Each structure stands twice: as C-alpha cells, then as structure tokens.
Amino acid sequence: MIPSHVRIFVCTEPVDMRRSFDGLALAARERLGKDPREGGLFVFANKRSNRLKVLWFDRNGYCLLYKRLHRALFRLPSDGGGASVQIDGAALGTLLAGVDCPPRGTTTTRERRFGTLQ
C-alpha cells in the first residue's frame, strides 16, 4: 500500500525502456518538469505499452521497479494531451495489473479493423 501523501506521476509519452536510473531521472526532469530527488514515484511505459518502469528516490539512491506483461497491456491514463498525469496509489495498482489482450490469431484482420462481422 502506498501512503496517500506520495505523489505519483505517469509520463503519457512512450519512453525507451533501455533507459535505467539516470536516464529515467533525466526524462522526469525534461519531460515532466519534476525532480525525482524531491520525492514521488515516476511511471514510464514503452511504445507498445507492455513494459513499465517506476522510478523513485529513496533516502540515498534511486530505486526502480520494472514490469513486463505477457498477453496484457498497461492502460495509461490521459489528461488532455499533457506530458504527465498525477494519480493515486489505487490507480497505480490498477495500472500495474494491466488489461488482458485477446490471444493472437483469434480474430481476423477484418474483425480487428472494422469490428465484429455480422
């Protein structure tokens, strides 16, 4: 459980998941305009929305949580085109759970593009 006073920022733009501690801290400063050393959790996802990293600064160093989903995607919140969205701990839990995707090959290309055939 994350305490209610902890600020959680979700970057709404995809980030290269090869970035590690310093690269994500730089992304937090440049894209979100926040300094990770001042507190809070910073959430970043890749372009395909199947990998997610959470960065935070603990008393004397950075911590990183990395999650990769199989047969599911992260559904990032959006807020009118801004670079970041602030969420609470419950929303982070929902985000980390992901959303199931149908298995590959169960629908035809036409069904994916135009909806269910009738």
Protein backbone atom coordinates (compact mmCIF):
# COMPACT_ATOMS: atom_id res chain seq x y z
CA MET A 1 0.00 0.00 0.00
CA ILE A 2 1.36 3.38 -0.97
CA PRO A 3 0.68 6.19 1.51
CA SER A 4 -1.81 8.80 0.30
CA HIS A 5 0.71 11.65 0.62
CA VAL A 6 3.05 10.12 -2.02
CA ARG A 7 2.75 11.85 -5.39
CA ILE A 8 2.65 9.55 -8.42
CA PHE A 9 3.35 10.97 -11.88
CA VAL A 10 2.67 8.98 -15.06
CA CYS A 11 4.52 10.04 -18.20
CA THR A 12 1.96 9.88 -21.03
CA GLU A 13 4.63 9.74 -23.77
CA PRO A 14 6.46 6.47 -24.52
CA VAL A 15 10.00 6.10 -23.18
CA ASP A 16 12.85 3.92 -24.38
CA MET A 17 12.97 1.05 -21.87
CA ARG A 18 16.73 0.73 -22.29
CA ARG A 19 16.99 3.75 -20.01
CA SER A 20 17.95 3.00 -16.46
CA PHE A 21 18.19 5.07 -13.29
CA ASP A 22 19.91 8.19 -14.59
CA GLY A 23 18.17 8.16 -17.98
CA LEU A 24 14.73 7.95 -16.38
CA ALA A 25 15.63 10.65 -13.85
CA LEU A 26 16.61 12.85 -16.78
CA ALA A 27 13.29 12.04 -18.51
CA ALA A 28 11.42 13.02 -15.33
CA ARG A 29 13.20 16.38 -15.28
CA GLU A 30 12.95 17.09 -19.03
CA ARG A 31 9.53 15.67 -19.92
CA LEU A 32 7.65 16.10 -16.66
CA GLY A 33 9.41 19.12 -15.21
CA LYS A 34 9.88 17.34 -11.85
CA ASP A 35 12.99 16.46 -9.88
CA PRO A 36 12.83 12.82 -8.73
CA ARG A 37 15.01 13.62 -5.72
CA GLU A 38 12.22 15.79 -4.31
CA GLY A 39 10.01 12.74 -3.82
CA GLY A 40 7.29 10.91 -5.62
CA LEU A 41 7.01 7.96 -7.97
CA PHE A 42 7.59 8.39 -11.69
CA VAL A 43 5.93 5.90 -14.05
CA PHE A 44 7.17 5.33 -17.62
CA ALA A 45 5.91 2.92 -20.30
CA ASN A 46 7.22 1.84 -23.68
CA LYS A 47 5.55 2.45 -27.04
CA ARG A 48 3.84 -0.97 -27.11
CA SER A 49 2.52 -0.47 -23.53
CA ASN A 50 3.70 -3.89 -22.40
CA ARG A 51 6.67 -2.72 -20.29
CA LEU A 52 6.60 -0.27 -17.44
CA LYS A 53 9.20 1.21 -15.09
CA VAL A 54 8.60 3.08 -11.85
CA LEU A 55 11.42 5.28 -10.54
CA TRP A 56 11.70 6.83 -7.09
CA PHE A 57 14.43 8.27 -4.93
CA ASP A 58 14.95 6.67 -1.53
CA ARG A 59 16.99 8.48 1.11
CA ASN A 60 20.33 7.77 -0.56
CA GLY A 61 19.69 6.44 -4.07
CA TYR A 62 17.31 5.62 -6.89
CA CYS A 63 15.03 2.58 -6.87
CA LEU A 64 13.50 1.03 -9.96
CA LEU A 65 10.56 -1.31 -10.45
CA TYR A 66 10.36 -2.93 -13.88
CA LYS A 67 7.34 -4.93 -15.05
CA ARG A 68 6.81 -6.69 -18.37
CA LEU A 69 3.38 -8.04 -19.23
CA HIS A 70 2.60 -11.16 -21.25
CA ARG A 71 -0.74 -11.21 -23.09
CA ALA A 72 -1.75 -7.91 -21.49
CA LEU A 73 -1.12 -4.19 -21.82
CA PHE A 74 -0.78 -1.24 -19.49
CA ARG A 75 -3.59 1.26 -19.98
CA LEU A 76 -2.04 4.65 -19.24
CA PRO A 77 -4.28 7.47 -18.05
CA SER A 78 -4.52 10.53 -20.27
CA ASP A 79 -5.28 14.11 -19.38
CA GLY A 80 -5.91 16.25 -22.43
CA GLY A 81 -2.52 15.94 -24.11
CA GLY A 82 -0.29 16.85 -21.16
CA ALA A 83 3.12 15.23 -20.69
CA SER A 84 2.10 13.71 -17.36
CA VAL A 85 -0.85 12.77 -15.22
CA GLN A 86 -0.86 12.61 -11.44
CA ILE A 87 -2.63 9.55 -9.98
CA ASP A 88 -3.14 7.99 -6.55
CA GLY A 89 -1.97 4.66 -5.14
CA ALA A 90 -5.18 2.81 -6.05
CA ALA A 91 -4.89 3.96 -9.68
CA LEU A 92 -1.25 2.81 -9.72
CA GLY A 93 -2.35 -0.63 -8.54
CA THR A 94 -4.91 -0.80 -11.33
CA LEU A 95 -2.32 0.38 -13.85
CA LEU A 96 0.21 -2.25 -12.74
CA ALA A 97 -2.41 -5.01 -13.10
CA GLY A 98 -2.71 -4.31 -16.83
CA VAL A 99 -5.56 -5.12 -19.18
CA ASP A 100 -5.87 -8.54 -20.82
CA CYS A 101 -5.43 -8.79 -24.57
CA PRO A 102 -7.12 -11.44 -26.70
CA PRO A 103 -4.71 -14.17 -27.79
CA ARG A 104 -3.16 -13.71 -31.22
CA GLY A 105 -4.91 -15.40 -34.08
CA THR A 106 -8.38 -15.42 -32.52
CA THR A 107 -9.74 -12.64 -34.72
CA THR A 108 -9.32 -11.93 -38.37
CA THR A 109 -7.70 -8.75 -39.64
CA ARG A 110 -11.10 -7.53 -40.84
CA GLU A 111 -12.63 -8.03 -37.38
CA ARG A 112 -9.81 -6.11 -35.72
CA ARG A 113 -10.13 -3.20 -38.12
CA PHE A 114 -13.89 -2.94 -38.53
CA GLY A 115 -15.42 -4.67 -35.52
CA THR A 116 -17.33 -7.91 -35.31
CA LEU A 117 -18.77 -9.19 -38.58
CA GLN A 118 -22.50 -9.79 -38.65
